[in-house]
Amino acid sequence: MVFGVALLALGAVDDMPHYHRGKLTQYEIGPPSVLLSKSDEQRLKTGRPVLQAVETGVVGARRMLMVQDIAAPANVVME
């Protein structure tokens, strides 16, 4: 069992591309375009997350986006 796990760990190589390019478009770095309703804002105030499905442009594919207020300094969150 340990030998099998060790072989799986050796299978990933950081400097080699994956064997396929994926089906979804890559994420664009930057602030997301999210519209929050008043009920979403209320949910955030109670400490609960807000989940939204975002269309990808690929038929039948969506991405999930989660928004949650987290008590942390900006330098910790943004770096």
N, C-alpha and C. Protein backbone atom coordinates (compact mmCIF):
# COMPACT_ATOMS: atom_id res chain seq x y z
N MET A 1 0.83 -1.20 0.00
CA MET A 1 0.00 0.00 0.00
C MET A 1 0.87 1.25 0.00
N VAL A 2 1.87 1.31 0.88
CA VAL A 2 2.74 2.48 0.95
C VAL A 2 3.50 2.66 -0.35
N PHE A 3 3.92 1.56 -0.95
CA PHE A 3 4.64 1.63 -2.23
C PHE A 3 3.75 2.24 -3.31
N GLY A 4 2.46 1.84 -3.36
CA GLY A 4 1.53 2.38 -4.34
C GLY A 4 1.31 3.88 -4.17
N VAL A 5 1.18 4.34 -2.93
CA VAL A 5 1.01 5.77 -2.65
C VAL A 5 2.26 6.53 -3.07
N ALA A 6 3.44 5.96 -2.82
CA ALA A 6 4.69 6.61 -3.22
C ALA A 6 4.76 6.75 -4.74
N LEU A 7 4.32 5.74 -5.47
CA LEU A 7 4.32 5.83 -6.94
C LEU A 7 3.36 6.90 -7.44
N LEU A 8 2.19 7.02 -6.81
CA LEU A 8 1.25 8.07 -7.20
C LEU A 8 1.85 9.45 -6.97
N ALA A 9 2.55 9.63 -5.87
CA ALA A 9 3.16 10.92 -5.57
C ALA A 9 4.24 11.26 -6.59
N LEU A 10 4.93 10.26 -7.11
CA LEU A 10 5.97 10.51 -8.10
C LEU A 10 5.40 10.81 -9.48
N GLY A 11 4.11 10.49 -9.71
CA GLY A 11 3.50 10.68 -11.01
C GLY A 11 3.32 12.13 -11.41
N ALA A 12 3.23 13.05 -10.47
CA ALA A 12 3.03 14.47 -10.77
C ALA A 12 4.39 15.15 -10.90
N VAL A 13 4.58 15.86 -12.01
CA VAL A 13 5.83 16.58 -12.24
C VAL A 13 5.48 18.05 -12.47
N ASP A 14 6.04 18.93 -11.63
CA ASP A 14 5.69 20.35 -11.67
C ASP A 14 6.06 21.05 -12.98
N ASP A 15 7.15 20.65 -13.61
CA ASP A 15 7.63 21.40 -14.78
C ASP A 15 7.14 20.81 -16.11
N MET A 16 6.24 19.85 -16.07
CA MET A 16 5.68 19.28 -17.31
C MET A 16 4.21 19.64 -17.42
N PRO A 17 3.74 20.00 -18.62
CA PRO A 17 2.33 20.32 -18.79
C PRO A 17 1.46 19.07 -18.62
N HIS A 18 0.21 19.30 -18.26
CA HIS A 18 -0.74 18.19 -18.13
C HIS A 18 -1.01 17.64 -19.53
N TYR A 19 -1.43 16.41 -19.61
CA TYR A 19 -1.62 15.77 -20.91
C TYR A 19 -2.78 16.35 -21.72
N HIS A 20 -3.66 17.15 -21.11
CA HIS A 20 -4.69 17.84 -21.88
C HIS A 20 -4.78 19.29 -21.40
N ARG A 21 -5.41 20.12 -22.19
CA ARG A 21 -5.48 21.55 -21.89
C ARG A 21 -6.75 21.92 -21.14
N GLY A 22 -7.60 20.96 -20.81
CA GLY A 22 -8.83 21.24 -20.09
C GLY A 22 -9.95 21.65 -21.02
N LYS A 23 -11.14 21.68 -20.48
CA LYS A 23 -12.30 22.04 -21.28
C LYS A 23 -12.80 23.44 -20.97
N LEU A 24 -12.48 23.96 -19.79
CA LEU A 24 -12.94 25.29 -19.40
C LEU A 24 -11.87 26.32 -19.74
N THR A 25 -12.31 27.54 -19.98
CA THR A 25 -11.36 28.62 -20.20
C THR A 25 -10.68 28.95 -18.88
N GLN A 26 -9.44 29.44 -18.96
CA GLN A 26 -8.71 29.79 -17.75
C GLN A 26 -9.36 30.98 -17.07
N TYR A 27 -9.19 31.03 -15.73
CA TYR A 27 -9.68 32.16 -14.96
C TYR A 27 -8.89 33.40 -15.31
N GLU A 28 -9.56 34.52 -15.39
CA GLU A 28 -8.90 35.80 -15.55
C GLU A 28 -8.61 36.35 -14.16
N ILE A 29 -7.37 36.76 -13.92
CA ILE A 29 -7.02 37.31 -12.61
C ILE A 29 -7.57 38.72 -12.52
N GLY A 30 -8.22 39.02 -11.42
CA GLY A 30 -8.81 40.32 -11.19
C GLY A 30 -10.07 40.18 -10.38
N PRO A 31 -10.68 41.29 -10.03
CA PRO A 31 -11.90 41.20 -9.23
C PRO A 31 -13.03 40.55 -10.03
N PRO A 32 -13.76 39.63 -9.41
CA PRO A 32 -14.87 38.99 -10.13
C PRO A 32 -16.04 39.95 -10.29
N SER A 33 -16.83 39.73 -11.31
CA SER A 33 -18.04 40.54 -11.48
C SER A 33 -19.20 39.80 -10.81
N VAL A 34 -19.49 40.19 -9.59
CA VAL A 34 -20.51 39.52 -8.79
C VAL A 34 -21.56 40.54 -8.38
N LEU A 35 -22.80 40.18 -8.59
CA LEU A 35 -23.90 41.02 -8.12
C LEU A 35 -24.52 40.34 -6.92
N LEU A 36 -24.56 41.03 -5.78
CA LEU A 36 -25.15 40.48 -4.57
C LEU A 36 -26.49 41.16 -4.30
N SER A 37 -27.50 40.36 -4.05
CA SER A 37 -28.83 40.91 -3.74
C SER A 37 -28.87 41.32 -2.27
N LYS A 38 -29.94 41.97 -1.87
CA LYS A 38 -30.09 42.35 -0.47
C LYS A 38 -30.13 41.11 0.43
N SER A 39 -30.76 40.03 -0.04
CA SER A 39 -30.79 38.80 0.75
C SER A 39 -29.39 38.17 0.85
N ASP A 40 -28.58 38.31 -0.22
CA ASP A 40 -27.19 37.84 -0.17
C ASP A 40 -26.42 38.62 0.90
N GLU A 41 -26.61 39.94 0.91
CA GLU A 41 -25.92 40.79 1.90
C GLU A 41 -26.33 40.39 3.32
N GLN A 42 -27.62 40.11 3.52
CA GLN A 42 -28.10 39.68 4.84
C GLN A 42 -27.47 38.36 5.24
N ARG A 43 -27.39 37.46 4.29
CA ARG A 43 -26.77 36.16 4.56
C ARG A 43 -25.31 36.33 4.99
N LEU A 44 -24.58 37.20 4.30
CA LEU A 44 -23.18 37.46 4.66
C LEU A 44 -23.06 38.04 6.07
N LYS A 45 -24.00 38.91 6.44
CA LYS A 45 -23.97 39.52 7.78
C LYS A 45 -24.15 38.50 8.89
N THR A 46 -24.79 37.37 8.58
CA THR A 46 -24.99 36.32 9.59
C THR A 46 -23.84 35.33 9.62
N GLY A 47 -22.82 35.57 8.77
CA GLY A 47 -21.65 34.69 8.76
C GLY A 47 -21.73 33.52 7.80
N ARG A 48 -22.81 33.44 7.04
CA ARG A 48 -22.96 32.34 6.09
C ARG A 48 -22.45 32.74 4.72
N PRO A 49 -21.94 31.78 3.94
CA PRO A 49 -21.45 32.10 2.60
C PRO A 49 -22.58 32.23 1.59
N VAL A 50 -22.28 32.90 0.48
CA VAL A 50 -23.20 33.03 -0.65
C VAL A 50 -22.55 32.30 -1.82
N LEU A 51 -23.28 31.36 -2.43
CA LEU A 51 -22.79 30.60 -3.58
C LEU A 51 -23.55 31.03 -4.83
N GLN A 52 -22.82 31.18 -5.93
CA GLN A 52 -23.45 31.52 -7.21
C GLN A 52 -22.84 30.67 -8.30
N ALA A 53 -23.67 30.26 -9.26
CA ALA A 53 -23.19 29.56 -10.45
C ALA A 53 -22.91 30.61 -11.52
N VAL A 54 -21.76 30.52 -12.16
CA VAL A 54 -21.35 31.48 -13.18
C VAL A 54 -21.24 30.74 -14.51
N GLU A 55 -21.88 31.29 -15.53
CA GLU A 55 -21.80 30.68 -16.87
C GLU A 55 -20.37 30.78 -17.39
N THR A 56 -19.93 29.76 -18.12
CA THR A 56 -18.56 29.73 -18.63
C THR A 56 -18.46 30.01 -20.12
N GLY A 57 -19.57 29.92 -20.83
CA GLY A 57 -19.52 30.03 -22.28
C GLY A 57 -19.40 28.67 -22.95
N VAL A 58 -19.17 27.62 -22.16
CA VAL A 58 -19.13 26.25 -22.67
C VAL A 58 -20.49 25.62 -22.35
N VAL A 59 -21.13 25.04 -23.35
CA VAL A 59 -22.46 24.47 -23.16
C VAL A 59 -22.44 23.43 -22.04
N GLY A 60 -23.33 23.60 -21.07
CA GLY A 60 -23.46 22.65 -19.98
C GLY A 60 -22.44 22.79 -18.87
N ALA A 61 -21.56 23.78 -18.96
CA ALA A 61 -20.52 23.94 -17.93
C ALA A 61 -20.72 25.25 -17.17
N ARG A 62 -20.54 25.19 -15.87
CA ARG A 62 -20.61 26.38 -15.01
C ARG A 62 -19.50 26.31 -13.99
N ARG A 63 -19.17 27.45 -13.43
CA ARG A 63 -18.23 27.54 -12.32
C ARG A 63 -18.99 28.02 -11.11
N MET A 64 -18.56 27.58 -9.95
CA MET A 64 -19.16 28.04 -8.70
C MET A 64 -18.28 29.14 -8.12
N LEU A 65 -18.94 30.15 -7.58
CA LEU A 65 -18.27 31.27 -6.95
C LEU A 65 -18.83 31.39 -5.54
N MET A 66 -17.95 31.50 -4.55
CA MET A 66 -18.40 31.65 -3.18
C MET A 66 -17.89 32.96 -2.63
N VAL A 67 -18.76 33.69 -1.95
CA VAL A 67 -18.41 34.94 -1.28
C VAL A 67 -18.66 34.73 0.21
N GLN A 68 -17.68 35.12 1.03
CA GLN A 68 -17.86 35.01 2.47
C GLN A 68 -17.01 36.07 3.14
N ASP A 69 -17.56 36.70 4.18
CA ASP A 69 -16.79 37.65 4.97
C ASP A 69 -15.90 36.86 5.92
N ILE A 70 -14.62 37.18 5.90
CA ILE A 70 -13.66 36.50 6.76
C ILE A 70 -12.88 37.55 7.52
N ALA A 71 -12.82 37.38 8.84
CA ALA A 71 -12.07 38.32 9.68
C ALA A 71 -10.58 38.03 9.55
N ALA A 72 -9.92 38.76 8.67
CA ALA A 72 -8.48 38.60 8.46
C ALA A 72 -7.92 39.91 7.92
N PRO A 73 -6.67 40.22 8.26
CA PRO A 73 -6.06 41.43 7.71
C PRO A 73 -5.93 41.34 6.18
N ALA A 74 -6.05 42.48 5.51
CA ALA A 74 -5.99 42.51 4.04
C ALA A 74 -4.69 41.92 3.51
N ASN A 75 -3.56 42.15 4.19
CA ASN A 75 -2.29 41.63 3.68
C ASN A 75 -2.25 40.11 3.71
N VAL A 76 -2.99 39.48 4.60
CA VAL A 76 -3.03 38.03 4.66
C VAL A 76 -3.93 37.50 3.53
N VAL A 77 -5.04 38.14 3.29
CA VAL A 77 -6.01 37.68 2.29
C VAL A 77 -5.49 37.92 0.88
N MET A 78 -4.87 39.04 0.63
CA MET A 78 -4.51 39.43 -0.72
C MET A 78 -3.16 38.91 -1.19
N GLU A 79 -2.36 38.34 -0.32
CA GLU A 79 -1.04 37.85 -0.75
C GLU A 79 -1.00 36.38 -0.91
